[in-house]
Amino acid sequence: MDGTDALRTAVVDALTGFTRRTADDADREGRKTAAVTLTLIPAPGATGEGPLADELTFLLTRRAKSLRAHSGQWALPGGRADPGESITEAARREVSEEVGLDLGEDRVLGLLDDYPTRSGYVITPVVLWAGGAGEPTPNPDEVGSLHHVPLREIDHEPRFLTIPESDAPVIQVPLFDRFVHAPTGAVLYQFRELVLHRRATRVAHLEQPVFAWK
Protein backbone atom coordinates (compact mmCIF):
# COMPACT_ATOMS: atom_id res chain seq x y z
CA MET A 1 0.00 0.00 0.00
CA ASP A 2 1.49 3.36 -0.99
CA GLY A 3 0.92 6.67 0.74
CA THR A 4 -2.13 7.67 -1.26
CA ASP A 5 -3.76 4.28 -0.66
CA ALA A 6 -3.26 4.80 3.05
CA LEU A 7 -4.96 8.20 2.87
CA ARG A 8 -7.92 6.78 0.99
CA THR A 9 -8.23 3.96 3.50
CA ALA A 10 -8.16 6.42 6.40
CA VAL A 11 -11.07 8.38 4.93
CA VAL A 12 -13.06 5.19 4.27
CA ASP A 13 -12.41 4.08 7.85
CA ALA A 14 -13.73 7.39 9.15
CA LEU A 15 -16.90 7.07 7.04
CA THR A 16 -17.48 3.39 7.81
CA GLY A 17 -20.05 2.90 10.50
CA PHE A 18 -21.45 6.42 10.13
CA THR A 19 -25.23 6.19 9.86
CA ARG A 20 -26.18 9.13 7.73
CA ARG A 21 -29.54 10.84 8.03
CA THR A 22 -31.71 11.10 4.96
CA ALA A 23 -34.35 13.75 4.39
CA ASP A 24 -37.88 12.64 5.24
CA ASP A 25 -40.91 13.04 2.99
CA ALA A 26 -41.84 16.37 4.55
CA ASP A 27 -38.41 17.82 3.83
CA ARG A 28 -38.45 16.44 0.27
CA GLU A 29 -41.89 17.82 -0.59
CA GLY A 30 -41.47 20.56 -3.17
CA ARG A 31 -37.67 20.23 -3.21
CA LYS A 32 -35.44 18.95 -6.01
CA THR A 33 -32.72 16.34 -5.50
CA ALA A 34 -29.12 17.50 -5.82
CA ALA A 35 -25.59 16.33 -5.03
CA VAL A 36 -22.51 18.19 -3.88
CA THR A 37 -19.08 16.62 -3.75
CA LEU A 38 -16.12 16.56 -1.45
CA THR A 39 -13.57 15.62 -4.08
CA LEU A 40 -10.36 14.59 -2.34
CA ILE A 41 -6.86 14.77 -3.83
CA PRO A 42 -3.59 14.04 -1.99
CA ALA A 43 -1.50 17.13 -1.33
CA PRO A 44 1.82 17.41 -3.21
CA GLY A 45 4.39 15.25 -1.44
CA ALA A 46 1.81 13.38 0.63
CA THR A 47 3.26 10.21 2.18
CA GLY A 48 0.26 8.77 4.02
CA GLU A 49 2.16 9.03 7.28
CA GLY A 50 1.07 12.50 8.42
CA PRO A 51 -2.26 13.87 9.65
CA LEU A 52 -5.11 13.81 7.11
CA ALA A 53 -5.49 17.56 7.63
CA ASP A 54 -2.02 18.09 6.15
CA GLU A 55 -1.98 15.35 3.52
CA LEU A 56 -5.33 15.78 1.77
CA THR A 57 -6.95 18.59 -0.20
CA PHE A 58 -10.49 19.04 -1.52
CA LEU A 59 -11.76 20.94 -4.54
CA LEU A 60 -13.66 24.17 -3.94
CA THR A 61 -14.94 26.44 -6.68
CA ARG A 62 -15.95 30.05 -6.99
CA ARG A 63 -19.05 30.03 -9.15
CA ALA A 64 -18.79 31.90 -12.45
CA LYS A 65 -20.16 35.43 -12.34
CA SER A 66 -22.18 34.72 -15.49
CA LEU A 67 -24.38 32.17 -13.70
CA ARG A 68 -27.92 33.27 -12.92
CA ALA A 69 -28.10 31.67 -9.47
CA HIS A 70 -25.59 32.30 -6.66
CA SER A 71 -22.98 33.74 -9.01
CA GLY A 72 -19.57 34.36 -7.48
CA GLN A 73 -20.27 32.29 -4.37
CA TRP A 74 -18.00 29.59 -2.92
CA ALA A 75 -19.33 26.14 -3.80
CA LEU A 76 -18.44 22.49 -3.84
CA PRO A 77 -18.81 20.91 -7.30
CA GLY A 78 -22.33 19.60 -7.69
CA GLY A 79 -25.80 20.20 -8.99
CA ARG A 80 -29.28 18.88 -9.60
CA ALA A 81 -29.77 15.17 -10.34
CA ASP A 82 -31.23 14.32 -13.74
CA PRO A 83 -34.36 12.13 -13.96
CA GLY A 84 -33.50 8.48 -13.34
CA GLU A 85 -30.00 9.34 -12.13
CA SER A 86 -28.69 8.08 -8.78
CA ILE A 87 -27.18 10.59 -6.39
CA THR A 88 -23.67 9.21 -6.91
CA GLU A 89 -24.13 9.29 -10.69
CA ALA A 90 -25.21 12.92 -10.42
CA ALA A 91 -22.21 13.74 -8.25
CA ARG A 92 -19.73 12.15 -10.65
CA ARG A 93 -21.36 13.79 -13.68
CA GLU A 94 -21.21 17.22 -12.06
CA VAL A 95 -17.52 16.78 -11.22
CA SER A 96 -16.87 15.85 -14.84
CA GLU A 97 -18.85 18.83 -16.17
CA GLU A 98 -17.44 21.40 -13.73
CA VAL A 99 -13.81 20.39 -13.24
CA GLY A 100 -13.13 17.80 -15.96
CA LEU A 101 -12.50 14.75 -13.76
CA ASP A 102 -14.06 11.47 -14.90
CA LEU A 103 -14.47 9.36 -11.77
CA GLY A 104 -15.96 5.87 -11.70
CA GLU A 105 -18.36 4.55 -9.10
CA ASP A 106 -15.39 2.92 -7.37
CA ARG A 107 -14.24 6.43 -6.47
CA VAL A 108 -17.23 7.00 -4.18
CA LEU A 109 -16.03 6.76 -0.56
CA GLY A 110 -19.29 7.54 1.22
CA LEU A 111 -22.19 9.94 1.77
CA LEU A 112 -22.90 12.52 4.45
CA ASP A 113 -26.26 13.70 5.83
CA ASP A 114 -28.88 15.15 3.51
CA TYR A 115 -29.27 18.92 3.84
CA PRO A 116 -32.61 20.53 2.84
CA THR A 117 -31.98 24.06 1.58
CA ARG A 118 -34.11 27.16 1.72
CA SER A 119 -33.72 27.53 -2.05
CA GLY A 120 -35.66 24.34 -2.80
CA TYR A 121 -33.21 21.43 -2.85
CA VAL A 122 -32.30 18.39 -0.81
CA ILE A 123 -28.54 18.17 -1.10
CA THR A 124 -26.66 14.92 -0.57
CA PRO A 125 -22.89 15.34 -0.04
CA VAL A 126 -20.87 12.63 -1.83
CA VAL A 127 -17.24 12.02 -0.85
CA LEU A 128 -15.13 11.19 -3.92
CA TRP A 129 -11.54 10.09 -4.34
CA ALA A 130 -9.70 11.83 -7.20
CA GLY A 131 -6.14 10.78 -6.39
CA GLY A 132 -4.39 9.73 -9.60
CA ALA A 133 -7.33 10.81 -11.78
CA GLY A 134 -5.42 13.60 -13.53
CA GLU A 135 -5.37 17.36 -13.19
CA PRO A 136 -8.77 19.03 -12.78
CA THR A 137 -9.65 21.55 -15.47
CA PRO A 138 -12.39 24.06 -14.58
CA ASN A 139 -15.22 24.70 -17.03
CA PRO A 140 -15.29 28.51 -17.47
CA ASP A 141 -19.05 28.45 -18.11
CA GLU A 142 -19.63 27.26 -14.55
CA VAL A 143 -16.45 27.88 -12.57
CA GLY A 144 -14.86 31.27 -12.00
CA SER A 145 -11.90 29.82 -10.09
CA LEU A 146 -10.86 26.43 -8.74
CA HIS A 147 -8.99 25.87 -5.49
CA HIS A 148 -7.18 22.88 -3.95
CA VAL A 149 -7.90 23.49 -0.28
CA PRO A 150 -5.88 21.59 2.37
CA LEU A 151 -8.15 19.99 4.95
CA ARG A 152 -6.29 21.88 7.67
CA GLU A 153 -7.94 25.07 6.33
CA ILE A 154 -11.34 23.85 7.53
CA ASP A 155 -10.07 22.43 10.83
CA HIS A 156 -11.28 25.42 12.83
CA GLU A 157 -14.29 25.92 15.05
CA PRO A 158 -17.18 27.55 13.17
CA ARG A 159 -19.08 30.60 14.31
CA PHE A 160 -22.82 30.41 15.04
CA LEU A 161 -25.03 33.48 14.72
CA THR A 162 -28.64 34.19 15.58
CA ILE A 163 -30.95 36.00 13.17
CA PRO A 164 -34.49 37.33 13.69
CA GLU A 165 -35.83 35.35 10.73
CA SER A 166 -35.11 31.89 12.22
CA ASP A 167 -34.77 30.07 15.52
CA ALA A 168 -31.92 27.94 14.13
CA PRO A 169 -28.28 29.06 14.35
CA VAL A 170 -26.56 30.31 11.20
CA ILE A 171 -23.23 28.54 10.69
CA GLN A 172 -20.16 30.37 9.42
CA VAL A 173 -17.04 28.32 8.65
CA PRO A 174 -13.81 30.36 8.58
CA LEU A 175 -11.93 29.97 5.29
CA PHE A 176 -9.65 32.28 3.30
CA ASP A 177 -9.93 35.07 5.89
CA ARG A 178 -13.70 35.15 5.46
CA PHE A 179 -16.67 32.91 6.24
CA VAL A 180 -18.43 30.22 4.21
CA HIS A 181 -22.12 29.80 5.00
CA ALA A 182 -24.53 26.88 4.72
CA PRO A 183 -25.15 24.78 2.78
CA THR A 184 -21.46 24.60 1.79
CA GLY A 185 -20.32 25.58 5.27
CA ALA A 186 -22.55 22.95 6.89
CA VAL A 187 -21.18 20.21 4.61
CA LEU A 188 -17.58 21.22 5.29
CA TYR A 189 -18.23 21.30 9.02
CA GLN A 190 -19.75 17.81 9.10
CA PHE A 191 -16.92 16.43 6.96
CA ARG A 192 -14.36 18.00 9.26
CA GLU A 193 -16.05 16.63 12.35
CA LEU A 194 -16.45 13.12 10.97
CA VAL A 195 -13.24 12.57 8.99
CA LEU A 196 -10.73 14.61 10.98
CA HIS A 197 -12.16 14.10 14.48
CA ARG A 198 -14.38 11.00 14.25
CA ARG A 199 -17.37 12.87 15.68
CA ALA A 200 -20.78 12.09 14.17
CA THR A 201 -21.97 15.70 14.27
CA ARG A 202 -25.32 16.57 12.67
CA VAL A 203 -25.81 19.71 10.57
CA ALA A 204 -29.19 19.59 8.80
CA HIS A 205 -30.67 21.87 11.47
CA LEU A 206 -28.11 24.61 10.85
CA GLU A 207 -29.48 27.68 9.13
CA GLN A 208 -28.47 29.47 5.96
CA PRO A 209 -28.09 33.25 5.85
CA VAL A 210 -31.10 35.08 4.51
CA PHE A 211 -29.34 36.07 1.27
CA ALA A 212 -29.08 32.33 0.39
CA TRP A 213 -32.79 31.60 0.86
CA LYS A 214 -33.64 32.28 -2.78
C-alpha atoms as a PDB file:
ATOM      1  CA  MET A   1       0.000   0.000   0.000  1.00  0.00           C
ATOM      2  CA  ASP A   2       1.486   3.364  -0.993  1.00  0.00           C
ATOM      3  CA  GLY A   3       0.920   6.675   0.739  1.00  0.00           C
ATOM      4  CA  THR A   4      -2.131   7.673  -1.262  1.00  0.00           C
ATOM      5  CA  ASP A   5      -3.759   4.276  -0.662  1.00  0.00           C
ATOM      6  CA  ALA A   6      -3.259   4.804   3.049  1.00  0.00           C
ATOM      7  CA  LEU A   7      -4.958   8.201   2.873  1.00  0.00           C
ATOM      8  CA  ARG A   8      -7.922   6.781   0.991  1.00  0.00           C
ATOM      9  CA  THR A   9      -8.232   3.957   3.503  1.00  0.00           C
ATOM     10  CA  ALA A  10      -8.160   6.422   6.398  1.00  0.00           C
ATOM     11  CA  VAL A  11     -11.072   8.377   4.928  1.00  0.00           C
ATOM     12  CA  VAL A  12     -13.058   5.194   4.267  1.00  0.00           C
ATOM     13  CA  ASP A  13     -12.408   4.082   7.851  1.00  0.00           C
ATOM     14  CA  ALA A  14     -13.734   7.394   9.150  1.00  0.00           C
ATOM     15  CA  LEU A  15     -16.902   7.067   7.043  1.00  0.00           C
ATOM     16  CA  THR A  16     -17.484   3.389   7.807  1.00  0.00           C
ATOM     17  CA  GLY A  17     -20.053   2.900  10.503  1.00  0.00           C
ATOM     18  CA  PHE A  18     -21.449   6.420  10.128  1.00  0.00           C
ATOM     19  CA  THR A  19     -25.228   6.191   9.859  1.00  0.00           C
ATOM     20  CA  ARG A  20     -26.185   9.132   7.732  1.00  0.00           C
ATOM     21  CA  ARG A  21     -29.542  10.844   8.032  1.00  0.00           C
ATOM     22  CA  THR A  22     -31.713  11.104   4.961  1.00  0.00           C
ATOM     23  CA  ALA A  23     -34.345  13.755   4.390  1.00  0.00           C
ATOM     24  CA  ASP A  24     -37.876  12.643   5.241  1.00  0.00           C
ATOM     25  CA  ASP A  25     -40.909  13.036   2.990  1.00  0.00           C
ATOM     26  CA  ALA A  26     -41.843  16.367   4.552  1.00  0.00           C
ATOM     27  CA  ASP A  27     -38.406  17.822   3.826  1.00  0.00           C
ATOM     28  CA  ARG A  28     -38.453  16.442   0.265  1.00  0.00           C
ATOM     29  CA  GLU A  29     -41.889  17.819  -0.594  1.00  0.00           C
ATOM     30  CA  GLY A  30     -41.468  20.562  -3.171  1.00  0.00           C
ATOM     31  CA  ARG A  31     -37.674  20.231  -3.210  1.00  0.00           C
ATOM     32  CA  LYS A  32     -35.443  18.952  -6.009  1.00  0.00           C
ATOM     33  CA  THR A  33     -32.723  16.335  -5.497  1.00  0.00           C
ATOM     34  CA  ALA A  34     -29.120  17.503  -5.815  1.00  0.00           C
ATOM     35  CA  ALA A  35     -25.592  16.331  -5.030  1.00  0.00           C
ATOM     36  CA  VAL A  36     -22.514  18.188  -3.880  1.00  0.00           C
ATOM     37  CA  THR A  37     -19.085  16.619  -3.750  1.00  0.00           C
ATOM     38  CA  LEU A  38     -16.122  16.563  -1.445  1.00  0.00           C
ATOM     39  CA  THR A  39     -13.572  15.618  -4.079  1.00  0.00           C
ATOM     40  CA  LEU A  40     -10.361  14.586  -2.340  1.00  0.00           C
ATOM     41  CA  ILE A  41      -6.856  14.773  -3.827  1.00  0.00           C
ATOM     42  CA  PRO A  42      -3.592  14.037  -1.991  1.00  0.00           C
ATOM     43  CA  ALA A  43      -1.500  17.134  -1.334  1.00  0.00           C
ATOM     44  CA  PRO A  44       1.821  17.407  -3.212  1.00  0.00           C
ATOM     45  CA  GLY A  45       4.388  15.253  -1.444  1.00  0.00           C
ATOM     46  CA  ALA A  46       1.808  13.378   0.633  1.00  0.00           C
ATOM     47  CA  THR A  47       3.257  10.211   2.176  1.00  0.00           C
ATOM     48  CA  GLY A  48       0.262   8.771   4.016  1.00  0.00           C
ATOM     49  CA  GLU A  49       2.156   9.032   7.284  1.00  0.00           C
ATOM     50  CA  GLY A  50       1.075  12.503   8.421  1.00  0.00           C
ATOM     51  CA  PRO A  51      -2.263  13.867   9.654  1.00  0.00           C
ATOM     52  CA  LEU A  52      -5.106  13.813   7.111  1.00  0.00           C
ATOM     53  CA  ALA A  53      -5.492  17.557   7.633  1.00  0.00           C
ATOM     54  CA  ASP A  54      -2.022  18.086   6.154  1.00  0.00           C
ATOM     55  CA  GLU A  55      -1.982  15.349   3.522  1.00  0.00           C
ATOM     56  CA  LEU A  56      -5.332  15.783   1.768  1.00  0.00           C
ATOM     57  CA  THR A  57      -6.949  18.591  -0.201  1.00  0.00           C
ATOM     58  CA  PHE A  58     -10.490  19.038  -1.525  1.00  0.00           C
ATOM     59  CA  LEU A  59     -11.762  20.940  -4.538  1.00  0.00           C
ATOM     60  CA  LEU A  60     -13.659  24.171  -3.945  1.00  0.00           C
ATOM     61  CA  THR A  61     -14.935  26.442  -6.679  1.00  0.00           C
ATOM     62  CA  ARG A  62     -15.948  30.054  -6.987  1.00  0.00           C
ATOM     63  CA  ARG A  63     -19.049  30.033  -9.150  1.00  0.00           C
ATOM     64  CA  ALA A  64     -18.786  31.898 -12.446  1.00  0.00           C
ATOM     65  CA  LYS A  65     -20.162  35.435 -12.336  1.00  0.00           C
ATOM     66  CA  SER A  66     -22.183  34.720 -15.493  1.00  0.00           C
ATOM     67  CA  LEU A  67     -24.382  32.168 -13.702  1.00  0.00           C
ATOM     68  CA  ARG A  68     -27.923  33.274 -12.921  1.00  0.00           C
ATOM     69  CA  ALA A  69     -28.098  31.666  -9.471  1.00  0.00           C
ATOM     70  CA  HIS A  70     -25.593  32.302  -6.660  1.00  0.00           C
ATOM     71  CA  SER A  71     -22.984  33.743  -9.006  1.00  0.00           C
ATOM     72  CA  GLY A  72     -19.568  34.362  -7.482  1.00  0.00           C
ATOM     73  CA  GLN A  73     -20.272  32.293  -4.373  1.00  0.00           C
ATOM     74  CA  TRP A  74     -18.002  29.594  -2.925  1.00  0.00           C
ATOM     75  CA  ALA A  75     -19.327  26.137  -3.800  1.00  0.00           C
ATOM     76  CA  LEU A  76     -18.443  22.485  -3.836  1.00  0.00           C
ATOM     77  CA  PRO A  77     -18.806  20.906  -7.295  1.00  0.00           C
ATOM     78  CA  GLY A  78     -22.334  19.595  -7.685  1.00  0.00           C
ATOM     79  CA  GLY A  79     -25.797  20.204  -8.990  1.00  0.00           C
ATOM     80  CA  ARG A  80     -29.281  18.877  -9.604  1.00  0.00           C
ATOM     81  CA  ALA A  81     -29.770  15.171 -10.337  1.00  0.00           C
ATOM     82  CA  ASP A  82     -31.228  14.323 -13.743  1.00  0.00           C
ATOM     83  CA  PRO A  83     -34.365  12.127 -13.962  1.00  0.00           C
ATOM     84  CA  GLY A  84     -33.496   8.479 -13.345  1.00  0.00           C
ATOM     85  CA  GLU A  85     -29.999   9.342 -12.125  1.00  0.00           C
ATOM     86  CA  SER A  86     -28.693   8.076  -8.777  1.00  0.00           C
ATOM     87  CA  ILE A  87     -27.182  10.588  -6.388  1.00  0.00           C
ATOM     88  CA  THR A  88     -23.670   9.208  -6.910  1.00  0.00           C
ATOM     89  CA  GLU A  89     -24.131   9.291 -10.693  1.00  0.00           C
ATOM     90  CA  ALA A  90     -25.211  12.923 -10.421  1.00  0.00           C
ATOM     91  CA  ALA A  91     -22.209  13.740  -8.251  1.00  0.00           C
ATOM     92  CA  ARG A  92     -19.732  12.150 -10.646  1.00  0.00           C
ATOM     93  CA  ARG A  93     -21.358  13.786 -13.681  1.00  0.00           C
ATOM     94  CA  GLU A  94     -21.206  17.219 -12.059  1.00  0.00           C
ATOM     95  CA  VAL A  95     -17.515  16.783 -11.219  1.00  0.00           C
ATOM     96  CA  SER A  96     -16.867  15.852 -14.844  1.00  0.00           C
ATOM     97  CA  GLU A  97     -18.852  18.830 -16.165  1.00  0.00           C
ATOM     98  CA  GLU A  98     -17.439  21.398 -13.728  1.00  0.00           C
ATOM     99  CA  VAL A  99     -13.810  20.391 -13.244  1.00  0.00           C
ATOM    100  CA  GLY A 100     -13.130  17.799 -15.964  1.00  0.00           C
ATOM    101  CA  LEU A 101     -12.499  14.751 -13.759  1.00  0.00           C
ATOM    102  CA  ASP A 102     -14.065  11.472 -14.899  1.00  0.00           C
ATOM    103  CA  LEU A 103     -14.468   9.363 -11.772  1.00  0.00           C
ATOM    104  CA  GLY A 104     -15.958   5.868 -11.704  1.00  0.00           C
ATOM    105  CA  GLU A 105     -18.361   4.553  -9.097  1.00  0.00           C
ATOM    106  CA  ASP A 106     -15.390   2.915  -7.374  1.00  0.00           C
ATOM    107  CA  ARG A 107     -14.239   6.431  -6.469  1.00  0.00           C
ATOM    108  CA  VAL A 108     -17.235   6.996  -4.177  1.00  0.00           C
ATOM    109  CA  LEU A 109     -16.033   6.765  -0.564  1.00  0.00           C
ATOM    110  CA  GLY A 110     -19.285   7.540   1.218  1.00  0.00           C
ATOM    111  CA  LEU A 111     -22.194   9.937   1.768  1.00  0.00           C
ATOM    112  CA  LEU A 112     -22.900  12.525   4.452  1.00  0.00           C
ATOM    113  CA  ASP A 113     -26.260  13.700   5.831  1.00  0.00           C
ATOM    114  CA  ASP A 114     -28.883  15.155   3.508  1.00  0.00           C
ATOM    115  CA  TYR A 115     -29.269  18.916   3.837  1.00  0.00           C
ATOM    116  CA  PRO A 116     -32.614  20.535   2.838  1.00  0.00           C
ATOM    117  CA  THR A 117     -31.981  24.057   1.578  1.00  0.00           C
ATOM    118  CA  ARG A 118     -34.113  27.165   1.723  1.00  0.00           C
ATOM    119  CA  SER A 119     -33.721  27.527  -2.050  1.00  0.00           C
ATOM    120  CA  GLY A 120     -35.662  24.336  -2.799  1.00  0.00           C
ATOM    121  CA  TYR A 121     -33.211  21.427  -2.851  1.00  0.00           C
ATOM    122  CA  VAL A 122     -32.304  18.388  -0.813  1.00  0.00           C
ATOM    123  CA  ILE A 123     -28.540  18.174  -1.103  1.00  0.00           C
ATOM    124  CA  THR A 124     -26.659  14.921  -0.565  1.00  0.00           C
ATOM    125  CA  PRO A 125     -22.886  15.340  -0.037  1.00  0.00           C
ATOM    126  CA  VAL A 126     -20.870  12.629  -1.830  1.00  0.00           C
ATOM    127  CA  VAL A 127     -17.237  12.016  -0.846  1.00  0.00           C
ATOM    128  CA  LEU A 128     -15.135  11.188  -3.924  1.00  0.00           C
ATOM    129  CA  TRP A 129     -11.538  10.086  -4.343  1.00  0.00           C
ATOM    130  CA  ALA A 130      -9.697  11.835  -7.204  1.00  0.00           C
ATOM    131  CA  GLY A 131      -6.143  10.779  -6.386  1.00  0.00           C
ATOM    132  CA  GLY A 132      -4.391   9.726  -9.601  1.00  0.00           C
ATOM    133  CA  ALA A 133      -7.329  10.811 -11.779  1.00  0.00           C
ATOM    134  CA  GLY A 134      -5.422  13.602 -13.526  1.00  0.00           C
ATOM    135  CA  GLU A 135      -5.371  17.358 -13.192  1.00  0.00           C
ATOM    136  CA  PRO A 136      -8.771  19.032 -12.782  1.00  0.00           C
ATOM    137  CA  THR A 137      -9.652  21.554 -15.473  1.00  0.00           C
ATOM    138  CA  PRO A 138     -12.388  24.060 -14.584  1.00  0.00           C
ATOM    139  CA  ASN A 139     -15.224  24.695 -17.033  1.00  0.00           C
ATOM    140  CA  PRO A 140     -15.292  28.506 -17.466  1.00  0.00           C
ATOM    141  CA  ASP A 141     -19.046  28.452 -18.112  1.00  0.00           C
ATOM    142  CA  GLU A 142     -19.628  27.260 -14.549  1.00  0.00           C
ATOM    143  CA  VAL A 143     -16.447  27.883 -12.567  1.00  0.00           C
ATOM    144  CA  GLY A 144     -14.859  31.271 -12.001  1.00  0.00           C
ATOM    145  CA  SER A 145     -11.904  29.821 -10.086  1.00  0.00           C
ATOM    146  CA  LEU A 146     -10.859  26.430  -8.743  1.00  0.00           C
ATOM    147  CA  HIS A 147      -8.994  25.869  -5.485  1.00  0.00           C
ATOM    148  CA  HIS A 148      -7.183  22.881  -3.954  1.00  0.00           C
ATOM    149  CA  VAL A 149      -7.900  23.487  -0.275  1.00  0.00           C
ATOM    150  CA  PRO A 150      -5.879  21.592   2.371  1.00  0.00           C
ATOM    151  CA  LEU A 151      -8.148  19.991   4.951  1.00  0.00           C
ATOM    152  CA  ARG A 152      -6.293  21.881   7.672  1.00  0.00           C
ATOM    153  CA  GLU A 153      -7.938  25.068   6.329  1.00  0.00           C
ATOM    154  CA  ILE A 154     -11.344  23.848   7.534  1.00  0.00           C
ATOM    155  CA  ASP A 155     -10.069  22.430  10.825  1.00  0.00           C
ATOM    156  CA  HIS A 156     -11.282  25.417  12.831  1.00  0.00           C
ATOM    157  CA  GLU A 157     -14.295  25.924  15.050  1.00  0.00           C
ATOM    158  CA  PRO A 158     -17.181  27.550  13.168  1.00  0.00           C
ATOM    159  CA  ARG A 159     -19.080  30.604  14.311  1.00  0.00           C
ATOM    160  CA  PHE A 160     -22.816  30.408  15.042  1.00  0.00           C
ATOM    161  CA  LEU A 161     -25.030  33.480  14.719  1.00  0.00           C
ATOM    162  CA  THR A 162     -28.643  34.194  15.580  1.00  0.00           C
ATOM    163  CA  ILE A 163     -30.949  35.997  13.172  1.00  0.00           C
ATOM    164  CA  PRO A 164     -34.490  37.325  13.690  1.00  0.00           C
ATOM    165  CA  GLU A 165     -35.826  35.345  10.726  1.00  0.00           C
ATOM    166  CA  SER A 166     -35.108  31.892  12.219  1.00  0.00           C
ATOM    167  CA  ASP A 167     -34.765  30.071  15.519  1.00  0.00           C
ATOM    168  CA  ALA A 168     -31.918  27.937  14.130  1.00  0.00           C
ATOM    169  CA  PRO A 169     -28.279  29.060  14.349  1.00  0.00           C
ATOM    170  CA  VAL A 170     -26.564  30.305  11.202  1.00  0.00           C
ATOM    171  CA  ILE A 171     -23.233  28.538  10.689  1.00  0.00           C
ATOM    172  CA  GLN A 172     -20.156  30.369   9.417  1.00  0.00           C
ATOM    173  CA  VAL A 173     -17.040  28.318   8.654  1.00  0.00           C
ATOM    174  CA  PRO A 174     -13.809  30.357   8.581  1.00  0.00           C
ATOM    175  CA  LEU A 175     -11.934  29.973   5.290  1.00  0.00           C
ATOM    176  CA  PHE A 176      -9.651  32.281   3.303  1.00  0.00           C
ATOM    177  CA  ASP A 177      -9.933  35.073   5.892  1.00  0.00           C
ATOM    178  CA  ARG A 178     -13.698  35.153   5.460  1.00  0.00           C
ATOM    179  CA  PHE A 179     -16.666  32.906   6.245  1.00  0.00           C
ATOM    180  CA  VAL A 180     -18.430  30.216   4.210  1.00  0.00           C
ATOM    181  CA  HIS A 181     -22.123  29.802   5.002  1.00  0.00           C
ATOM    182  CA  ALA A 182     -24.525  26.876   4.715  1.00  0.00           C
ATOM    183  CA  PRO A 183     -25.154  24.780   2.777  1.00  0.00           C
ATOM    184  CA  THR A 184     -21.463  24.600   1.791  1.00  0.00           C
ATOM    185  CA  GLY A 185     -20.325  25.581   5.270  1.00  0.00           C
ATOM    186  CA  ALA A 186     -22.551  22.947   6.889  1.00  0.00           C
ATOM    187  CA  VAL A 187     -21.185  20.211   4.614  1.00  0.00           C
ATOM    188  CA  LEU A 188     -17.584  21.219   5.286  1.00  0.00           C
ATOM    189  CA  TYR A 189     -18.229  21.296   9.023  1.00  0.00           C
ATOM    190  CA  GLN A 190     -19.750  17.813   9.097  1.00  0.00           C
ATOM    191  CA  PHE A 191     -16.922  16.431   6.958  1.00  0.00           C
ATOM    192  CA  ARG A 192     -14.358  17.996   9.260  1.00  0.00           C
ATOM    193  CA  GLU A 193     -16.052  16.625  12.351  1.00  0.00           C
ATOM    194  CA  LEU A 194     -16.451  13.117  10.966  1.00  0.00           C
ATOM    195  CA  VAL A 195     -13.244  12.573   8.994  1.00  0.00           C
ATOM    196  CA  LEU A 196     -10.729  14.607  10.979  1.00  0.00           C
ATOM    197  CA  HIS A 197     -12.163  14.098  14.478  1.00  0.00           C
ATOM    198  CA  ARG A 198     -14.378  11.002  14.248  1.00  0.00           C
ATOM    199  CA  ARG A 199     -17.368  12.870  15.682  1.00  0.00           C
ATOM    200  CA  ALA A 200     -20.781  12.093  14.171  1.00  0.00           C
ATOM    201  CA  THR A 201     -21.966  15.697  14.266  1.00  0.00           C
ATOM    202  CA  ARG A 202     -25.325  16.574  12.671  1.00  0.00           C
ATOM    203  CA  VAL A 203     -25.805  19.707  10.570  1.00  0.00           C
ATOM    204  CA  ALA A 204     -29.192  19.587   8.805  1.00  0.00           C
ATOM    205  CA  HIS A 205     -30.673  21.869  11.472  1.00  0.00           C
ATOM    206  CA  LEU A 206     -28.111  24.609  10.848  1.00  0.00           C
ATOM    207  CA  GLU A 207     -29.479  27.684   9.132  1.00  0.00           C
ATOM    208  CA  GLN A 208     -28.467  29.475   5.963  1.00  0.00           C
ATOM    209  CA  PRO A 209     -28.091  33.253   5.848  1.00  0.00           C
ATOM    210  CA  VAL A 210     -31.103  35.081   4.509  1.00  0.00           C
ATOM    211  CA  PHE A 211     -29.342  36.072   1.270  1.00  0.00           C
ATOM    212  CA  ALA A 212     -29.084  32.328   0.386  1.00  0.00           C
ATOM    213  CA  TRP A 213     -32.787  31.596   0.862  1.00  0.00           C
ATOM    214  CA  LYS A 214     -33.637  32.285  -2.782  1.00  0.00           C
END
